[in-house]
Amino acid sequence: MKNFLMDENGQGMVEYGLILALVAVAAIAALKLLGPKISSLFNAASDELNGAVTAAPAAGGAGGGE
């Protein structure tokens, strides 16, 4: 029994697994907190791009090399 308790094989893998789980929890928490802000940022950028496309002159307009 003492040999079983003193055996450290696999200890490093368990530590890496715990660190990975902690990083995953932190990433999920950050996305939950920042998700709405990131979404509104991308929506604002999309609206600006859509406005620029509709305000641009139609293809084949003046300045074409015809």
Foldseek 3Di string as FASTA:
>chain_A
DVCVVPDCPCVVVVVVVVVVVVVVVVVVVVCVVCVVVVVVVVVVVVVVVVVVVVPDDDPPDPPDPD
